[in-house]
Amino acid sequence: MRRRVSALRVLLSVALILGFALAAAVLANQVDTRQPVLVTARAVSAGQVITDADLRVVPVAADAGVATVPDTSRGSVVGRTAVVPLTAGTLLSPTHLGAPDWPPVGQAVAAVAVKAGRLPSGLTAGSRVRVLVLAGSGAGTQVVQAQATVVSVQAGGEVSGDTGVSLLLAATDATLVASAAGEVTLIQLGAGR
């Protein structure tokens, strides 16, 4: 003997399933602890005035000890100065904003032109390098050496073909590297060197 399924029971079952799904969605939305905060949409240099185009909003669930800038503060962030260089996607903190504090005390940023073949391919900001400048020739050749962190890499121009590299290094080393006349070679170092 076959039982007949009541249309009313089917409708009631569907309504209950939809009701539970809606209740679960509402509950999940209330449990979500993420807050909309500001992050950098692109790289911002130290000392650069932050524009609206430099910012975007992302939801994050940050611990109470993590300082963030809520999206409601966007108007007060635009027009402020970046204290340190910020890469794209950096979660903004109030300590990132204010008077420039870059480069750090005792350090300097120096720009060097590096010929093709004298730097590793794929060199990026944040890479640790050893800088070698061969000054002079023959028996009078001197090698100026320093360790540095790459701040930025500007691809070679059409005329010279040299790659411009900005380096963060000790202020005394920056003076030596900048004043040495000769070809610059960069050697990328492994982590912890």
N, C-alpha and C. Protein backbone atom coordinates (compact mmCIF):
# COMPACT_ATOMS: atom_id res chain seq x y z
N MET A 1 0.84 -1.15 0.00
CA MET A 1 0.00 0.00 0.00
C MET A 1 0.90 1.24 0.00
N ARG A 2 0.70 2.11 -1.01
CA ARG A 2 1.49 3.34 -1.12
C ARG A 2 0.83 4.46 -0.37
N ARG A 3 1.66 5.21 0.33
CA ARG A 3 1.14 6.41 1.02
C ARG A 3 1.17 7.56 0.07
N ARG A 4 0.22 8.37 0.22
CA ARG A 4 0.11 9.56 -0.62
C ARG A 4 0.76 10.73 0.11
N VAL A 5 1.66 11.45 -0.63
CA VAL A 5 2.35 12.60 -0.04
C VAL A 5 1.46 13.82 -0.19
N SER A 6 1.25 14.47 0.91
CA SER A 6 0.39 15.65 0.91
C SER A 6 1.17 16.86 0.40
N ALA A 7 0.58 17.62 -0.48
CA ALA A 7 1.21 18.84 -1.01
C ALA A 7 1.45 19.83 0.12
N LEU A 8 0.58 19.85 1.09
CA LEU A 8 0.73 20.74 2.24
C LEU A 8 1.99 20.40 3.03
N ARG A 9 2.26 19.10 3.22
CA ARG A 9 3.45 18.68 3.95
C ARG A 9 4.72 19.06 3.18
N VAL A 10 4.70 18.91 1.87
CA VAL A 10 5.86 19.27 1.06
C VAL A 10 6.13 20.76 1.17
N LEU A 11 5.09 21.58 1.06
CA LEU A 11 5.24 23.03 1.19
C LEU A 11 5.74 23.42 2.58
N LEU A 12 5.21 22.76 3.58
CA LEU A 12 5.63 23.04 4.96
C LEU A 12 7.12 22.67 5.14
N SER A 13 7.55 21.55 4.58
CA SER A 13 8.95 21.13 4.67
C SER A 13 9.88 22.13 3.98
N VAL A 14 9.49 22.57 2.79
CA VAL A 14 10.29 23.55 2.05
C VAL A 14 10.37 24.86 2.83
N ALA A 15 9.26 25.30 3.41
CA ALA A 15 9.23 26.54 4.18
C ALA A 15 10.14 26.42 5.41
N LEU A 16 10.14 25.27 6.08
CA LEU A 16 11.01 25.08 7.25
C LEU A 16 12.48 25.11 6.83
N ILE A 17 12.83 24.46 5.72
CA ILE A 17 14.22 24.46 5.26
C ILE A 17 14.66 25.88 4.94
N LEU A 18 13.85 26.63 4.22
CA LEU A 18 14.18 28.01 3.89
C LEU A 18 14.28 28.88 5.14
N GLY A 19 13.40 28.64 6.09
CA GLY A 19 13.43 29.40 7.34
C GLY A 19 14.72 29.16 8.12
N PHE A 20 15.14 27.88 8.22
CA PHE A 20 16.39 27.56 8.91
C PHE A 20 17.60 28.14 8.17
N ALA A 21 17.59 28.10 6.85
CA ALA A 21 18.69 28.67 6.07
C ALA A 21 18.79 30.17 6.31
N LEU A 22 17.66 30.86 6.33
CA LEU A 22 17.64 32.30 6.58
C LEU A 22 18.14 32.61 7.99
N ALA A 23 17.70 31.83 8.96
CA ALA A 23 18.15 32.03 10.35
C ALA A 23 19.66 31.81 10.46
N ALA A 24 20.20 30.80 9.77
CA ALA A 24 21.64 30.54 9.81
C ALA A 24 22.42 31.69 9.18
N ALA A 25 21.90 32.24 8.08
CA ALA A 25 22.58 33.37 7.42
C ALA A 25 22.60 34.59 8.33
N VAL A 26 21.49 34.89 8.98
CA VAL A 26 21.41 36.03 9.90
C VAL A 26 22.37 35.83 11.07
N LEU A 27 22.40 34.64 11.62
CA LEU A 27 23.29 34.34 12.74
C LEU A 27 24.76 34.46 12.33
N ALA A 28 25.11 33.93 11.16
CA ALA A 28 26.49 34.02 10.68
C ALA A 28 26.90 35.47 10.47
N ASN A 29 25.98 36.29 9.98
CA ASN A 29 26.28 37.72 9.77
C ASN A 29 26.51 38.44 11.09
N GLN A 30 25.79 38.04 12.12
CA GLN A 30 25.95 38.68 13.43
C GLN A 30 27.22 38.21 14.13
N VAL A 31 27.69 37.01 13.83
CA VAL A 31 28.88 36.46 14.45
C VAL A 31 30.15 36.99 13.78
N ASP A 32 30.06 37.47 12.54
CA ASP A 32 31.21 37.99 11.79
C ASP A 32 31.79 39.19 12.54
N THR A 33 33.03 39.05 12.99
CA THR A 33 33.68 40.11 13.77
C THR A 33 34.59 40.99 12.93
N ARG A 34 34.59 40.77 11.62
CA ARG A 34 35.44 41.58 10.75
C ARG A 34 34.94 43.03 10.71
N GLN A 35 35.91 43.93 10.67
CA GLN A 35 35.61 45.36 10.59
C GLN A 35 36.25 45.92 9.33
N PRO A 36 35.59 46.86 8.65
CA PRO A 36 36.21 47.47 7.47
C PRO A 36 37.31 48.44 7.88
N VAL A 37 38.54 48.20 7.36
CA VAL A 37 39.69 49.03 7.68
C VAL A 37 40.39 49.45 6.40
N LEU A 38 41.31 50.41 6.52
CA LEU A 38 42.03 50.94 5.37
C LEU A 38 43.35 50.20 5.15
N VAL A 39 43.63 49.89 3.87
CA VAL A 39 44.91 49.34 3.45
C VAL A 39 45.37 50.15 2.25
N THR A 40 46.65 50.05 1.93
CA THR A 40 47.16 50.77 0.77
C THR A 40 46.79 50.01 -0.51
N ALA A 41 46.31 50.76 -1.48
CA ALA A 41 45.93 50.18 -2.77
C ALA A 41 47.14 50.03 -3.68
N ARG A 42 48.19 50.79 -3.40
CA ARG A 42 49.43 50.74 -4.18
C ARG A 42 50.57 51.18 -3.28
N ALA A 43 51.79 51.05 -3.77
CA ALA A 43 52.95 51.44 -2.97
C ALA A 43 52.94 52.95 -2.72
N VAL A 44 53.30 53.33 -1.50
CA VAL A 44 53.38 54.73 -1.10
C VAL A 44 54.77 54.96 -0.51
N SER A 45 55.49 55.93 -1.03
CA SER A 45 56.85 56.21 -0.56
C SER A 45 56.80 56.99 0.76
N ALA A 46 57.86 56.85 1.54
CA ALA A 46 57.98 57.65 2.77
C ALA A 46 58.02 59.12 2.38
N GLY A 47 57.27 59.95 3.08
CA GLY A 47 57.22 61.38 2.80
C GLY A 47 56.16 61.75 1.77
N GLN A 48 55.53 60.75 1.15
CA GLN A 48 54.50 61.01 0.14
C GLN A 48 53.18 61.34 0.82
N VAL A 49 52.46 62.31 0.27
CA VAL A 49 51.13 62.66 0.78
C VAL A 49 50.15 61.60 0.27
N ILE A 50 49.37 61.04 1.16
CA ILE A 50 48.43 59.97 0.82
C ILE A 50 47.19 60.56 0.16
N THR A 51 46.83 60.00 -0.99
CA THR A 51 45.63 60.43 -1.71
C THR A 51 44.54 59.38 -1.56
N ASP A 52 43.33 59.73 -1.98
CA ASP A 52 42.22 58.79 -1.90
C ASP A 52 42.49 57.55 -2.75
N ALA A 53 43.16 57.73 -3.88
CA ALA A 53 43.47 56.60 -4.77
C ALA A 53 44.49 55.64 -4.16
N ASP A 54 45.21 56.08 -3.13
CA ASP A 54 46.21 55.22 -2.46
C ASP A 54 45.56 54.25 -1.47
N LEU A 55 44.26 54.41 -1.22
CA LEU A 55 43.59 53.64 -0.18
C LEU A 55 42.49 52.75 -0.73
N ARG A 56 42.28 51.64 -0.03
CA ARG A 56 41.12 50.80 -0.29
C ARG A 56 40.65 50.21 1.03
N VAL A 57 39.46 49.66 1.04
CA VAL A 57 38.85 49.14 2.26
C VAL A 57 38.79 47.62 2.18
N VAL A 58 39.19 46.95 3.26
CA VAL A 58 39.05 45.51 3.37
C VAL A 58 38.50 45.16 4.75
N PRO A 59 37.71 44.10 4.84
CA PRO A 59 37.24 43.66 6.16
C PRO A 59 38.29 42.76 6.80
N VAL A 60 38.63 43.03 8.04
CA VAL A 60 39.59 42.19 8.77
C VAL A 60 39.08 41.92 10.18
N ALA A 61 39.49 40.79 10.70
CA ALA A 61 39.20 40.46 12.10
C ALA A 61 40.54 40.56 12.82
N ALA A 62 40.80 41.70 13.42
CA ALA A 62 42.09 41.94 14.07
C ALA A 62 41.94 41.83 15.57
N ASP A 63 42.98 41.32 16.21
CA ASP A 63 43.05 41.24 17.66
C ASP A 63 43.02 42.65 18.23
N ALA A 64 42.58 42.81 19.45
CA ALA A 64 42.48 44.13 20.07
C ALA A 64 43.83 44.85 20.14
N GLY A 65 44.92 44.11 20.16
CA GLY A 65 46.25 44.71 20.24
C GLY A 65 46.79 45.19 18.91
N VAL A 66 46.08 44.92 17.82
CA VAL A 66 46.52 45.34 16.49
C VAL A 66 45.89 46.68 16.15
N ALA A 67 46.74 47.69 15.96
CA ALA A 67 46.24 49.03 15.65
C ALA A 67 45.91 49.11 14.17
N THR A 68 44.66 49.43 13.87
CA THR A 68 44.22 49.60 12.49
C THR A 68 43.56 50.96 12.34
N VAL A 69 43.30 51.34 11.10
CA VAL A 69 42.60 52.60 10.83
C VAL A 69 41.26 52.24 10.21
N PRO A 70 40.14 52.53 10.90
CA PRO A 70 38.83 52.17 10.36
C PRO A 70 38.52 52.96 9.08
N ASP A 71 37.68 52.37 8.24
CA ASP A 71 37.34 53.02 6.97
C ASP A 71 36.64 54.36 7.18
N THR A 72 36.04 54.56 8.34
CA THR A 72 35.37 55.84 8.63
C THR A 72 36.37 56.98 8.80
N SER A 73 37.65 56.66 8.96
CA SER A 73 38.69 57.68 9.13
C SER A 73 39.34 58.05 7.80
N ARG A 74 38.81 57.58 6.69
CA ARG A 74 39.42 57.83 5.38
C ARG A 74 39.65 59.32 5.15
N GLY A 75 38.68 60.16 5.47
CA GLY A 75 38.80 61.60 5.25
C GLY A 75 39.94 62.22 6.02
N SER A 76 40.25 61.69 7.21
CA SER A 76 41.35 62.26 7.99
C SER A 76 42.70 61.67 7.60
N VAL A 77 42.71 60.56 6.85
CA VAL A 77 43.97 59.95 6.39
C VAL A 77 44.44 60.62 5.10
N VAL A 78 43.48 60.88 4.20
CA VAL A 78 43.82 61.53 2.93
C VAL A 78 44.42 62.90 3.22
N GLY A 79 45.58 63.18 2.64
CA GLY A 79 46.27 64.45 2.87
C GLY A 79 47.37 64.35 3.91
N ARG A 80 47.41 63.23 4.65
CA ARG A 80 48.49 63.02 5.63
C ARG A 80 49.72 62.45 4.92
N THR A 81 50.82 62.44 5.60
CA THR A 81 52.09 61.98 5.04
C THR A 81 52.44 60.59 5.56
N ALA A 82 52.94 59.73 4.66
CA ALA A 82 53.41 58.41 5.06
C ALA A 82 54.76 58.56 5.77
N VAL A 83 54.88 57.98 6.95
CA VAL A 83 56.10 58.07 7.75
C VAL A 83 57.18 57.15 7.19
N VAL A 84 56.79 55.99 6.73
CA VAL A 84 57.71 54.98 6.19
C VAL A 84 57.18 54.51 4.84
N PRO A 85 58.01 53.85 4.04
CA PRO A 85 57.49 53.32 2.77
C PRO A 85 56.45 52.24 3.05
N LEU A 86 55.37 52.25 2.29
CA LEU A 86 54.29 51.28 2.45
C LEU A 86 54.10 50.53 1.14
N THR A 87 54.10 49.21 1.20
CA THR A 87 53.87 48.43 -0.01
C THR A 87 52.37 48.31 -0.23
N ALA A 88 51.98 47.95 -1.44
CA ALA A 88 50.56 47.74 -1.74
C ALA A 88 50.02 46.65 -0.83
N GLY A 89 48.84 46.89 -0.25
CA GLY A 89 48.22 45.91 0.62
C GLY A 89 48.60 46.03 2.08
N THR A 90 49.37 47.07 2.45
CA THR A 90 49.76 47.26 3.85
C THR A 90 48.54 47.67 4.67
N LEU A 91 48.31 46.97 5.78
CA LEU A 91 47.25 47.31 6.71
C LEU A 91 47.68 48.57 7.44
N LEU A 92 46.95 49.68 7.23
CA LEU A 92 47.37 50.96 7.81
C LEU A 92 47.23 50.97 9.32
N SER A 93 48.21 51.60 9.94
CA SER A 93 48.24 51.80 11.38
C SER A 93 48.44 53.30 11.61
N PRO A 94 47.94 53.83 12.71
CA PRO A 94 48.17 55.25 12.98
C PRO A 94 49.65 55.62 13.00
N THR A 95 50.53 54.67 13.32
CA THR A 95 51.97 54.95 13.36
C THR A 95 52.56 55.14 11.96
N HIS A 96 51.84 54.76 10.92
CA HIS A 96 52.31 54.95 9.54
C HIS A 96 52.12 56.39 9.06
N LEU A 97 51.39 57.18 9.82
CA LEU A 97 51.01 58.53 9.38
C LEU A 97 51.67 59.59 10.25
N GLY A 98 52.10 60.67 9.63
CA GLY A 98 52.71 61.77 10.38
C GLY A 98 53.88 62.34 9.63
N ALA A 99 54.81 62.91 10.35
CA ALA A 99 56.01 63.48 9.73
C ALA A 99 56.91 62.34 9.27
N PRO A 100 57.57 62.51 8.13
CA PRO A 100 58.44 61.44 7.64
C PRO A 100 59.52 61.06 8.65
N ASP A 101 59.73 59.77 8.79
CA ASP A 101 60.73 59.23 9.70
C ASP A 101 61.57 58.23 8.91
N TRP A 102 61.90 58.64 7.69
CA TRP A 102 62.60 57.75 6.77
C TRP A 102 63.68 58.52 6.05
N PRO A 103 64.82 58.04 5.90
CA PRO A 103 65.33 56.78 6.40
C PRO A 103 65.58 56.84 7.90
N PRO A 104 65.71 55.69 8.53
CA PRO A 104 65.96 55.66 9.97
C PRO A 104 67.27 56.38 10.32
N VAL A 105 67.38 56.81 11.55
CA VAL A 105 68.59 57.49 12.04
C VAL A 105 69.81 56.61 11.80
N GLY A 106 70.87 57.21 11.25
CA GLY A 106 72.10 56.49 11.00
C GLY A 106 72.13 55.77 9.66
N GLN A 107 71.04 55.84 8.92
CA GLN A 107 71.00 55.20 7.62
C GLN A 107 70.66 56.23 6.56
N ALA A 108 70.89 55.86 5.31
CA ALA A 108 70.63 56.76 4.19
C ALA A 108 70.15 55.93 3.00
N VAL A 109 69.47 56.59 2.08
CA VAL A 109 69.05 55.95 0.84
C VAL A 109 69.91 56.52 -0.27
N ALA A 110 70.59 55.64 -1.00
CA ALA A 110 71.44 56.06 -2.11
C ALA A 110 70.94 55.40 -3.38
N ALA A 111 71.05 56.13 -4.49
CA ALA A 111 70.66 55.58 -5.79
C ALA A 111 71.91 55.20 -6.55
N VAL A 112 71.87 54.03 -7.18
CA VAL A 112 72.99 53.60 -8.01
C VAL A 112 72.46 53.15 -9.36
N ALA A 113 73.27 53.36 -10.39
CA ALA A 113 72.95 52.88 -11.74
C ALA A 113 73.72 51.59 -11.95
N VAL A 114 73.00 50.54 -12.31
CA VAL A 114 73.62 49.23 -12.47
C VAL A 114 73.46 48.77 -13.91
N LYS A 115 74.56 48.44 -14.54
CA LYS A 115 74.53 47.98 -15.93
C LYS A 115 73.94 46.57 -16.01
N ALA A 116 73.39 46.25 -17.17
CA ALA A 116 72.83 44.92 -17.41
C ALA A 116 73.87 43.86 -17.10
N GLY A 117 73.45 42.78 -16.47
CA GLY A 117 74.37 41.70 -16.14
C GLY A 117 75.10 41.87 -14.83
N ARG A 118 74.87 43.00 -14.14
CA ARG A 118 75.57 43.25 -12.89
C ARG A 118 74.62 43.26 -11.68
N LEU A 119 73.41 42.72 -11.91
CA LEU A 119 72.48 42.55 -10.80
C LEU A 119 71.64 41.31 -11.07
N PRO A 120 71.18 40.64 -10.01
CA PRO A 120 70.38 39.42 -10.20
C PRO A 120 69.04 39.75 -10.86
N SER A 121 68.56 38.84 -11.70
CA SER A 121 67.24 39.05 -12.29
C SER A 121 66.19 38.86 -11.19
N GLY A 122 65.11 39.59 -11.30
CA GLY A 122 64.03 39.48 -10.33
C GLY A 122 64.30 40.17 -9.01
N LEU A 123 65.32 41.03 -8.97
CA LEU A 123 65.62 41.77 -7.73
C LEU A 123 64.44 42.68 -7.40
N THR A 124 63.98 42.64 -6.15
CA THR A 124 62.81 43.43 -5.76
C THR A 124 63.08 44.18 -4.46
N ALA A 125 62.18 45.12 -4.17
CA ALA A 125 62.27 45.86 -2.91
C ALA A 125 62.26 44.88 -1.75
N GLY A 126 63.12 45.13 -0.77
CA GLY A 126 63.22 44.27 0.40
C GLY A 126 64.35 43.27 0.32
N SER A 127 64.91 43.07 -0.88
CA SER A 127 66.03 42.13 -1.04
C SER A 127 67.27 42.68 -0.33
N ARG A 128 68.00 41.78 0.31
CA ARG A 128 69.28 42.15 0.93
C ARG A 128 70.37 41.91 -0.10
N VAL A 129 71.27 42.88 -0.26
CA VAL A 129 72.33 42.77 -1.26
C VAL A 129 73.67 43.22 -0.70
N ARG A 130 74.73 42.75 -1.35
CA ARG A 130 76.07 43.27 -1.12
C ARG A 130 76.36 44.14 -2.33
N VAL A 131 76.81 45.37 -2.08
CA VAL A 131 77.14 46.33 -3.12
C VAL A 131 78.64 46.31 -3.32
N LEU A 132 79.08 46.13 -4.56
CA LEU A 132 80.50 46.18 -4.89
C LEU A 132 80.70 47.26 -5.94
N VAL A 133 81.63 48.17 -5.70
CA VAL A 133 81.97 49.19 -6.69
C VAL A 133 83.46 49.04 -6.97
N LEU A 134 83.79 48.72 -8.22
CA LEU A 134 85.20 48.60 -8.62
C LEU A 134 85.68 49.97 -9.06
N ALA A 135 86.49 50.59 -8.24
CA ALA A 135 87.00 51.93 -8.52
C ALA A 135 88.45 51.85 -8.96
N GLY A 136 88.78 52.49 -10.06
CA GLY A 136 90.15 52.49 -10.58
C GLY A 136 90.36 51.32 -11.52
N SER A 137 91.61 51.13 -11.94
CA SER A 137 91.92 50.01 -12.84
C SER A 137 93.33 49.53 -12.59
N GLY A 138 93.61 48.33 -13.04
CA GLY A 138 94.94 47.75 -12.90
C GLY A 138 95.32 47.54 -11.45
N ALA A 139 96.58 47.84 -11.13
CA ALA A 139 97.08 47.64 -9.77
C ALA A 139 96.43 48.58 -8.77
N GLY A 140 95.89 49.70 -9.24
CA GLY A 140 95.27 50.68 -8.35
C GLY A 140 93.78 50.44 -8.12
N THR A 141 93.27 49.28 -8.53
CA THR A 141 91.84 49.00 -8.37
C THR A 141 91.49 48.82 -6.90
N GLN A 142 90.45 49.50 -6.49
CA GLN A 142 89.94 49.36 -5.13
C GLN A 142 88.50 48.88 -5.22
N VAL A 143 88.11 48.11 -4.23
CA VAL A 143 86.73 47.61 -4.18
C VAL A 143 86.05 48.24 -2.97
N VAL A 144 84.98 48.98 -3.24
CA VAL A 144 84.16 49.53 -2.17
C VAL A 144 83.02 48.54 -1.95
N GLN A 145 82.83 48.10 -0.69
CA GLN A 145 81.80 47.11 -0.37
C GLN A 145 80.87 47.64 0.70
N ALA A 146 79.61 47.23 0.61
CA ALA A 146 78.63 47.58 1.65
C ALA A 146 77.46 46.62 1.56
N GLN A 147 76.79 46.43 2.67
CA GLN A 147 75.54 45.66 2.65
C GLN A 147 74.39 46.64 2.67
N ALA A 148 73.31 46.29 1.95
CA ALA A 148 72.18 47.20 1.82
C ALA A 148 70.89 46.42 1.64
N THR A 149 69.78 47.14 1.77
CA THR A 149 68.46 46.60 1.47
C THR A 149 67.91 47.38 0.29
N VAL A 150 67.37 46.69 -0.69
CA VAL A 150 66.81 47.34 -1.87
C VAL A 150 65.51 48.03 -1.48
N VAL A 151 65.41 49.32 -1.81
CA VAL A 151 64.19 50.09 -1.56
C VAL A 151 63.31 50.05 -2.80
N SER A 152 63.91 50.23 -3.98
CA SER A 152 63.14 50.16 -5.23
C SER A 152 64.07 49.83 -6.38
N VAL A 153 63.47 49.32 -7.46
CA VAL A 153 64.20 48.98 -8.68
C VAL A 153 63.46 49.61 -9.85
N GLN A 154 64.16 50.45 -10.60
CA GLN A 154 63.60 51.12 -11.77
C GLN A 154 64.24 50.50 -13.00
N ALA A 155 63.43 49.84 -13.83
CA ALA A 155 63.95 49.15 -15.01
C ALA A 155 64.75 50.10 -15.89
N GLY A 156 65.72 49.54 -16.60
CA GLY A 156 66.63 50.31 -17.45
C GLY A 156 65.91 51.17 -18.47
N GLY A 157 66.46 52.33 -18.72
CA GLY A 157 65.91 53.26 -19.70
C GLY A 157 66.32 52.87 -21.11
N GLU A 158 65.66 53.43 -22.10
CA GLU A 158 65.94 53.12 -23.50
C GLU A 158 67.32 53.63 -23.92
N VAL A 159 67.77 54.75 -23.37
CA VAL A 159 69.04 55.33 -23.79
C VAL A 159 70.22 54.61 -23.15
N SER A 160 70.27 54.57 -21.82
CA SER A 160 71.45 54.00 -21.15
C SER A 160 71.33 52.50 -20.93
N GLY A 161 70.12 52.00 -20.72
CA GLY A 161 69.93 50.59 -20.42
C GLY A 161 70.25 50.23 -18.98
N ASP A 162 70.76 51.21 -18.20
CA ASP A 162 71.08 50.97 -16.80
C ASP A 162 69.81 50.83 -15.99
N THR A 163 69.89 50.03 -14.92
CA THR A 163 68.79 49.88 -13.99
C THR A 163 69.07 50.75 -12.78
N GLY A 164 68.12 51.60 -12.42
CA GLY A 164 68.28 52.44 -11.23
C GLY A 164 67.80 51.68 -10.01
N VAL A 165 68.65 51.59 -8.99
CA VAL A 165 68.31 50.87 -7.77
C VAL A 165 68.53 51.81 -6.59
N SER A 166 67.49 51.97 -5.77
CA SER A 166 67.63 52.75 -4.53
C SER A 166 67.93 51.78 -3.40
N LEU A 167 68.94 52.12 -2.62
CA LEU A 167 69.42 51.23 -1.56
C LEU A 167 69.39 51.91 -0.20
N LEU A 168 68.95 51.19 0.82
CA LEU A 168 69.01 51.65 2.20
C LEU A 168 70.25 51.02 2.83
N LEU A 169 71.17 51.87 3.31
CA LEU A 169 72.38 51.37 3.91
C LEU A 169 72.87 52.34 4.98
N ALA A 170 73.88 51.93 5.72
CA ALA A 170 74.44 52.81 6.75
C ALA A 170 74.89 54.11 6.09
N ALA A 171 74.68 55.22 6.77
CA ALA A 171 74.98 56.53 6.19
C ALA A 171 76.43 56.63 5.72
N THR A 172 77.36 56.09 6.48
CA THR A 172 78.77 56.16 6.07
C THR A 172 79.01 55.33 4.81
N ASP A 173 78.37 54.16 4.72
CA ASP A 173 78.49 53.33 3.52
C ASP A 173 77.85 54.01 2.32
N ALA A 174 76.75 54.71 2.54
CA ALA A 174 76.07 55.40 1.43
C ALA A 174 77.01 56.44 0.83
N THR A 175 77.73 57.16 1.67
CA THR A 175 78.68 58.16 1.18
C THR A 175 79.80 57.50 0.37
N LEU A 176 80.32 56.39 0.86
CA LEU A 176 81.39 55.68 0.15
C LEU A 176 80.91 55.16 -1.21
N VAL A 177 79.73 54.55 -1.24
CA VAL A 177 79.19 53.99 -2.48
C VAL A 177 78.90 55.10 -3.48
N ALA A 178 78.27 56.18 -3.01
CA ALA A 178 77.90 57.27 -3.92
C ALA A 178 79.11 58.00 -4.49
N SER A 179 80.19 58.07 -3.72
CA SER A 179 81.36 58.81 -4.18
C SER A 179 82.36 57.96 -4.95
N ALA A 180 82.18 56.63 -4.95
CA ALA A 180 83.11 55.76 -5.67
C ALA A 180 82.81 55.82 -7.17
N ALA A 181 83.85 56.06 -7.96
CA ALA A 181 83.70 56.10 -9.41
C ALA A 181 84.03 54.71 -9.95
N GLY A 182 83.06 54.07 -10.53
CA GLY A 182 83.28 52.73 -11.08
C GLY A 182 81.96 52.02 -11.29
N GLU A 183 82.05 50.80 -11.80
CA GLU A 183 80.85 50.04 -12.09
C GLU A 183 80.34 49.37 -10.83
N VAL A 184 79.01 49.42 -10.66
CA VAL A 184 78.36 48.85 -9.49
C VAL A 184 77.88 47.44 -9.82
N THR A 185 78.14 46.51 -8.89
CA THR A 185 77.61 45.15 -9.00
C THR A 185 76.83 44.87 -7.72
N LEU A 186 75.64 44.26 -7.87
CA LEU A 186 74.82 43.89 -6.71
C LEU A 186 74.76 42.37 -6.61
N ILE A 187 75.02 41.85 -5.43
CA ILE A 187 74.95 40.41 -5.17
C ILE A 187 73.83 40.20 -4.16
N GLN A 188 72.82 39.43 -4.53
CA GLN A 188 71.70 39.21 -3.61
C GLN A 188 72.12 38.21 -2.54
N LEU A 189 71.81 38.54 -1.29
CA LEU A 189 72.15 37.69 -0.14
C LEU A 189 70.94 36.90 0.30
N GLY A 190 71.20 35.75 0.90
CA GLY A 190 70.12 34.93 1.43
C GLY A 190 69.58 35.53 2.73
N ALA A 191 68.49 34.98 3.20
CA ALA A 191 67.87 35.48 4.43
C ALA A 191 68.84 35.30 5.59
N GLY A 192 68.85 36.25 6.51
CA GLY A 192 69.66 36.17 7.71
C GLY A 192 71.11 36.55 7.53
N ARG A 193 71.47 37.10 6.38
CA ARG A 193 72.87 37.49 6.14
C ARG A 193 73.06 38.96 6.33
